[in-house]
Amino acid sequence: MASLTIKNIPDELYDMLKRSATANHRSINSELIHCLEKTLKPSALTAAQLADAAQALRSRVGAPQLTEDEITLAKQQGRE
């Protein structure tokens, strides 16, 4: 495994990392690795997972789902 030294971390950023590590019961090193993985590794979601996430978001918003006709009409009006 590679080692990495990070220099000149702003105090505010370091404090945020430290608080996050404490809240997640991790060392600062483990928290930093977690943050890097979360940011840099692609998340492979299936189509079903994406559909479930979209449905959950729709239910939180509470707006009615648009019909295909409403979408088509909106597209046509946007082209005028």
Protein backbone atom coordinates (compact mmCIF):
# COMPACT_ATOMS: atom_id res chain seq x y z
CA MET A 1 0.00 0.00 0.00
CA ALA A 2 1.14 3.49 -0.76
CA SER A 3 1.68 6.15 1.87
CA LEU A 4 0.69 9.76 1.47
CA THR A 5 1.68 12.87 3.37
CA ILE A 6 -0.64 15.85 3.12
CA LYS A 7 0.79 19.26 3.91
CA ASN A 8 -0.74 22.65 4.55
CA ILE A 9 -4.26 21.48 5.36
CA PRO A 10 -6.31 24.51 6.41
CA ASP A 11 -7.21 24.36 10.09
CA GLU A 12 -10.92 24.58 9.37
CA LEU A 13 -10.77 21.62 6.96
CA TYR A 14 -8.73 19.56 9.41
CA ASP A 15 -11.24 20.30 12.17
CA MET A 16 -14.10 19.21 9.91
CA LEU A 17 -12.27 15.97 9.10
CA LYS A 18 -11.56 15.36 12.76
CA ARG A 19 -15.20 15.93 13.75
CA SER A 20 -16.38 13.65 10.97
CA ALA A 21 -13.93 10.93 12.05
CA THR A 22 -15.14 11.18 15.63
CA ALA A 23 -18.79 11.07 14.60
CA ASN A 24 -18.17 7.96 12.49
CA HIS A 25 -15.94 6.25 15.08
CA ARG A 26 -12.95 6.22 12.73
CA SER A 27 -9.39 7.43 12.92
CA ILE A 28 -8.57 10.56 10.95
CA ASN A 29 -6.63 8.40 8.48
CA SER A 30 -9.58 6.02 8.00
CA GLU A 31 -11.98 8.93 7.62
CA LEU A 32 -9.79 10.51 4.97
CA ILE A 33 -9.60 7.21 3.06
CA HIS A 34 -13.38 6.90 3.32
CA CYS A 35 -13.84 10.43 1.94
CA LEU A 36 -11.47 9.76 -0.94
CA GLU A 37 -13.20 6.47 -1.81
CA LYS A 38 -16.62 8.09 -1.66
CA THR A 39 -15.47 10.90 -3.92
CA LEU A 40 -13.25 9.08 -6.38
CA LYS A 41 -14.72 5.60 -6.76
CA PRO A 42 -17.65 5.30 -9.12
CA SER A 43 -20.86 4.14 -7.56
CA ALA A 44 -22.36 1.32 -9.58
CA LEU A 45 -26.10 1.64 -9.19
CA THR A 46 -28.42 -0.64 -11.05
CA ALA A 47 -31.30 0.73 -13.09
CA ALA A 48 -33.68 -0.57 -10.43
CA GLN A 49 -31.77 1.27 -7.68
CA LEU A 50 -31.87 4.49 -9.69
CA ALA A 51 -35.60 4.07 -10.31
CA ASP A 52 -36.18 3.46 -6.59
CA ALA A 53 -34.18 6.55 -5.69
CA ALA A 54 -36.14 8.65 -8.20
CA GLN A 55 -39.43 7.34 -6.81
CA ALA A 56 -38.35 8.13 -3.25
CA LEU A 57 -37.42 11.67 -4.30
CA ARG A 58 -40.76 12.13 -6.08
CA SER A 59 -42.65 11.02 -2.99
CA ARG A 60 -40.75 13.53 -0.82
CA VAL A 61 -41.47 16.37 -3.21
CA GLY A 62 -45.15 15.51 -3.40
CA ALA A 63 -45.60 16.78 -6.95
CA PRO A 64 -47.73 14.70 -9.28
CA GLN A 65 -45.88 12.62 -11.86
CA LEU A 66 -46.03 14.09 -15.35
CA THR A 67 -47.74 12.14 -18.06
CA GLU A 68 -46.13 11.47 -21.41
CA ASP A 69 -48.59 13.91 -23.03
CA GLU A 70 -47.64 16.68 -20.58
CA ILE A 71 -43.95 16.14 -21.30
CA THR A 72 -44.53 16.19 -25.06
CA LEU A 73 -46.58 19.40 -24.78
CA ALA A 74 -43.84 21.07 -22.71
CA LYS A 75 -41.23 20.11 -25.30
CA GLN A 76 -43.37 21.52 -28.11
CA GLN A 77 -43.98 24.78 -26.26
CA GLY A 78 -40.26 25.12 -25.61
CA ARG A 79 -39.54 24.91 -29.34
CA GLU A 80 -41.90 27.72 -30.29
